[in-house]
Amino acid sequence: MSDKTHTYTNGEVTIVWKPSLCTHSKRCWLGLPAVFKPGQRPWILPEGADTQAIVDQVGKCPSGALSIRMNDEGGRPEDDRSIQDPT
Protein backbone atom coordinates (compact mmCIF):
# COMPACT_ATOMS: atom_id res chain seq x y z
CA MET A 1 0.00 0.00 0.00
CA SER A 2 1.04 3.53 -0.69
CA ASP A 3 1.73 5.97 2.12
CA LYS A 4 0.74 8.90 -0.07
CA THR A 5 -0.84 11.83 1.79
CA HIS A 6 -2.93 14.68 0.38
CA THR A 7 -3.53 17.96 2.20
CA TYR A 8 -6.23 20.58 1.74
CA THR A 9 -6.47 23.84 3.71
CA ASN A 10 -8.90 26.67 4.31
CA GLY A 11 -6.21 28.74 6.02
CA GLU A 12 -7.24 27.82 9.56
CA VAL A 13 -7.25 24.04 9.34
CA THR A 14 -5.56 21.53 7.07
CA ILE A 15 -7.39 18.33 6.20
CA VAL A 16 -5.02 15.42 5.70
CA TRP A 17 -6.24 12.46 3.65
CA LYS A 18 -4.37 9.16 3.57
CA PRO A 19 -6.01 7.17 0.76
CA SER A 20 -4.38 3.89 1.78
CA LEU A 21 -6.34 3.97 5.06
CA CYS A 22 -9.70 4.91 3.56
CA THR A 23 -12.45 2.29 3.90
CA HIS A 24 -14.97 4.33 1.86
CA SER A 25 -17.55 4.46 4.66
CA LYS A 26 -19.06 7.58 3.02
CA ARG A 27 -19.37 9.32 6.40
CA CYS A 28 -17.34 12.31 5.24
CA TRP A 29 -19.36 13.21 2.18
CA LEU A 30 -22.74 12.19 3.55
CA GLY A 31 -22.09 14.27 6.66
CA LEU A 32 -20.54 17.34 5.03
CA PRO A 33 -21.22 17.30 1.26
CA ALA A 34 -20.20 20.95 0.84
CA VAL A 35 -16.60 19.94 1.66
CA PHE A 36 -16.29 16.30 0.60
CA LYS A 37 -17.20 15.76 -3.07
CA PRO A 38 -16.02 12.34 -4.28
CA GLY A 39 -16.99 12.99 -7.91
CA GLN A 40 -14.75 16.05 -8.25
CA ARG A 41 -11.02 16.73 -8.33
CA PRO A 42 -9.92 17.91 -5.90
CA TRP A 43 -12.54 16.04 -3.93
CA ILE A 44 -11.97 17.93 -0.66
CA LEU A 45 -12.96 21.61 -0.72
CA PRO A 46 -12.29 22.99 2.77
CA GLU A 47 -13.71 26.40 1.87
CA GLY A 48 -17.15 24.73 1.75
CA ALA A 49 -17.73 24.92 5.52
CA ASP A 50 -16.44 26.63 8.62
CA THR A 51 -13.49 25.20 10.48
CA GLN A 52 -15.48 23.76 13.38
CA ALA A 53 -17.82 21.87 11.04
CA ILE A 54 -14.77 20.39 9.29
CA VAL A 55 -13.13 19.39 12.57
CA ASP A 56 -16.36 17.78 13.76
CA GLN A 57 -16.87 15.82 10.54
CA VAL A 58 -13.27 14.64 10.22
CA GLY A 59 -13.60 13.35 13.78
CA LYS A 60 -16.23 10.91 12.54
CA CYS A 61 -13.91 9.17 10.08
CA PRO A 62 -13.89 5.53 11.24
CA SER A 63 -10.66 4.51 9.49
CA GLY A 64 -8.38 7.40 10.43
CA ALA A 65 -7.86 8.20 6.75
CA LEU A 66 -8.88 11.78 7.48
CA SER A 67 -7.14 13.88 10.11
CA ILE A 68 -6.73 17.55 10.76
CA ARG A 69 -3.96 19.95 11.63
CA MET A 70 -4.80 23.34 13.04
CA ASN A 71 -2.57 25.68 11.06
CA ASP A 72 -1.78 27.91 14.03
CA GLU A 73 -0.19 24.94 15.81
CA GLY A 74 2.75 24.98 13.39
CA GLY A 75 2.84 21.20 13.19
CA ARG A 76 4.33 19.21 10.36
CA PRO A 77 2.25 16.68 8.38
CA GLU A 78 3.89 13.79 10.22
CA ASP A 79 2.56 15.31 13.46
CA ASP A 80 -1.07 15.18 12.29
CA ARG A 81 -3.55 13.92 14.77
CA SER A 82 -6.59 11.99 13.80
CA ILE A 83 -9.61 13.24 15.68
CA GLN A 84 -12.11 10.44 15.88
CA ASP A 85 -15.52 10.18 17.44
CA PRO A 86 -15.42 7.34 19.99
CA THR A 87 -18.97 6.28 19.07
C-alpha atoms as a PDB file:
ATOM      1  CA  MET A   1       0.000   0.000   0.000  1.00  0.00           C
ATOM      2  CA  SER A   2       1.039   3.533  -0.693  1.00  0.00           C
ATOM      3  CA  ASP A   3       1.730   5.967   2.125  1.00  0.00           C
ATOM      4  CA  LYS A   4       0.736   8.901  -0.075  1.00  0.00           C
ATOM      5  CA  THR A   5      -0.840  11.830   1.786  1.00  0.00           C
ATOM      6  CA  HIS A   6      -2.930  14.677   0.382  1.00  0.00           C
ATOM      7  CA  THR A   7      -3.534  17.956   2.198  1.00  0.00           C
ATOM      8  CA  TYR A   8      -6.231  20.585   1.738  1.00  0.00           C
ATOM      9  CA  THR A   9      -6.470  23.836   3.713  1.00  0.00           C
ATOM     10  CA  ASN A  10      -8.896  26.675   4.311  1.00  0.00           C
ATOM     11  CA  GLY A  11      -6.206  28.743   6.015  1.00  0.00           C
ATOM     12  CA  GLU A  12      -7.239  27.819   9.564  1.00  0.00           C
ATOM     13  CA  VAL A  13      -7.253  24.042   9.339  1.00  0.00           C
ATOM     14  CA  THR A  14      -5.555  21.532   7.067  1.00  0.00           C
ATOM     15  CA  ILE A  15      -7.393  18.333   6.198  1.00  0.00           C
ATOM     16  CA  VAL A  16      -5.022  15.422   5.696  1.00  0.00           C
ATOM     17  CA  TRP A  17      -6.241  12.465   3.652  1.00  0.00           C
ATOM     18  CA  LYS A  18      -4.370   9.162   3.565  1.00  0.00           C
ATOM     19  CA  PRO A  19      -6.012   7.167   0.764  1.00  0.00           C
ATOM     20  CA  SER A  20      -4.381   3.888   1.776  1.00  0.00           C
ATOM     21  CA  LEU A  21      -6.343   3.967   5.064  1.00  0.00           C
ATOM     22  CA  CYS A  22      -9.705   4.909   3.559  1.00  0.00           C
ATOM     23  CA  THR A  23     -12.451   2.292   3.903  1.00  0.00           C
ATOM     24  CA  HIS A  24     -14.965   4.333   1.864  1.00  0.00           C
ATOM     25  CA  SER A  25     -17.547   4.461   4.658  1.00  0.00           C
ATOM     26  CA  LYS A  26     -19.059   7.583   3.024  1.00  0.00           C
ATOM     27  CA  ARG A  27     -19.367   9.320   6.402  1.00  0.00           C
ATOM     28  CA  CYS A  28     -17.337  12.306   5.236  1.00  0.00           C
ATOM     29  CA  TRP A  29     -19.357  13.211   2.176  1.00  0.00           C
ATOM     30  CA  LEU A  30     -22.737  12.191   3.548  1.00  0.00           C
ATOM     31  CA  GLY A  31     -22.093  14.271   6.664  1.00  0.00           C
ATOM     32  CA  LEU A  32     -20.539  17.344   5.029  1.00  0.00           C
ATOM     33  CA  PRO A  33     -21.220  17.304   1.264  1.00  0.00           C
ATOM     34  CA  ALA A  34     -20.201  20.951   0.840  1.00  0.00           C
ATOM     35  CA  VAL A  35     -16.602  19.940   1.659  1.00  0.00           C
ATOM     36  CA  PHE A  36     -16.286  16.299   0.602  1.00  0.00           C
ATOM     37  CA  LYS A  37     -17.195  15.759  -3.069  1.00  0.00           C
ATOM     38  CA  PRO A  38     -16.015  12.342  -4.284  1.00  0.00           C
ATOM     39  CA  GLY A  39     -16.990  12.991  -7.905  1.00  0.00           C
ATOM     40  CA  GLN A  40     -14.750  16.052  -8.249  1.00  0.00           C
ATOM     41  CA  ARG A  41     -11.020  16.731  -8.327  1.00  0.00           C
ATOM     42  CA  PRO A  42      -9.920  17.905  -5.903  1.00  0.00           C
ATOM     43  CA  TRP A  43     -12.540  16.044  -3.930  1.00  0.00           C
ATOM     44  CA  ILE A  44     -11.971  17.927  -0.665  1.00  0.00           C
ATOM     45  CA  LEU A  45     -12.965  21.611  -0.720  1.00  0.00           C
ATOM     46  CA  PRO A  46     -12.288  22.995   2.772  1.00  0.00           C
ATOM     47  CA  GLU A  47     -13.715  26.404   1.872  1.00  0.00           C
ATOM     48  CA  GLY A  48     -17.154  24.733   1.748  1.00  0.00           C
ATOM     49  CA  ALA A  49     -17.732  24.920   5.516  1.00  0.00           C
ATOM     50  CA  ASP A  50     -16.444  26.629   8.615  1.00  0.00           C
ATOM     51  CA  THR A  51     -13.490  25.204  10.479  1.00  0.00           C
ATOM     52  CA  GLN A  52     -15.485  23.762  13.383  1.00  0.00           C
ATOM     53  CA  ALA A  53     -17.817  21.867  11.038  1.00  0.00           C
ATOM     54  CA  ILE A  54     -14.767  20.389   9.292  1.00  0.00           C
ATOM     55  CA  VAL A  55     -13.127  19.388  12.573  1.00  0.00           C
ATOM     56  CA  ASP A  56     -16.364  17.779  13.764  1.00  0.00           C
ATOM     57  CA  GLN A  57     -16.866  15.824  10.537  1.00  0.00           C
ATOM     58  CA  VAL A  58     -13.274  14.643  10.220  1.00  0.00           C
ATOM     59  CA  GLY A  59     -13.600  13.348  13.779  1.00  0.00           C
ATOM     60  CA  LYS A  60     -16.234  10.905  12.536  1.00  0.00           C
ATOM     61  CA  CYS A  61     -13.906   9.169  10.080  1.00  0.00           C
ATOM     62  CA  PRO A  62     -13.886   5.532  11.243  1.00  0.00           C
ATOM     63  CA  SER A  63     -10.664   4.511   9.489  1.00  0.00           C
ATOM     64  CA  GLY A  64      -8.376   7.396  10.433  1.00  0.00           C
ATOM     65  CA  ALA A  65      -7.864   8.197   6.749  1.00  0.00           C
ATOM     66  CA  LEU A  66      -8.880  11.784   7.479  1.00  0.00           C
ATOM     67  CA  SER A  67      -7.143  13.875  10.106  1.00  0.00           C
ATOM     68  CA  ILE A  68      -6.731  17.553  10.759  1.00  0.00           C
ATOM     69  CA  ARG A  69      -3.961  19.952  11.628  1.00  0.00           C
ATOM     70  CA  MET A  70      -4.796  23.345  13.044  1.00  0.00           C
ATOM     71  CA  ASN A  71      -2.569  25.684  11.063  1.00  0.00           C
ATOM     72  CA  ASP A  72      -1.778  27.910  14.026  1.00  0.00           C
ATOM     73  CA  GLU A  73      -0.189  24.938  15.810  1.00  0.00           C
ATOM     74  CA  GLY A  74       2.748  24.982  13.393  1.00  0.00           C
ATOM     75  CA  GLY A  75       2.835  21.195  13.185  1.00  0.00           C
ATOM     76  CA  ARG A  76       4.326  19.207  10.359  1.00  0.00           C
ATOM     77  CA  PRO A  77       2.253  16.678   8.379  1.00  0.00           C
ATOM     78  CA  GLU A  78       3.889  13.786  10.220  1.00  0.00           C
ATOM     79  CA  ASP A  79       2.564  15.307  13.457  1.00  0.00           C
ATOM     80  CA  ASP A  80      -1.069  15.175  12.288  1.00  0.00           C
ATOM     81  CA  ARG A  81      -3.549  13.922  14.773  1.00  0.00           C
ATOM     82  CA  SER A  82      -6.589  11.991  13.800  1.00  0.00           C
ATOM     83  CA  ILE A  83      -9.607  13.242  15.683  1.00  0.00           C
ATOM     84  CA  GLN A  84     -12.110  10.444  15.883  1.00  0.00           C
ATOM     85  CA  ASP A  85     -15.516  10.176  17.443  1.00  0.00           C
ATOM     86  CA  PRO A  86     -15.422   7.338  19.987  1.00  0.00           C
ATOM     87  CA  THR A  87     -18.970   6.277  19.067  1.00  0.00           C
END
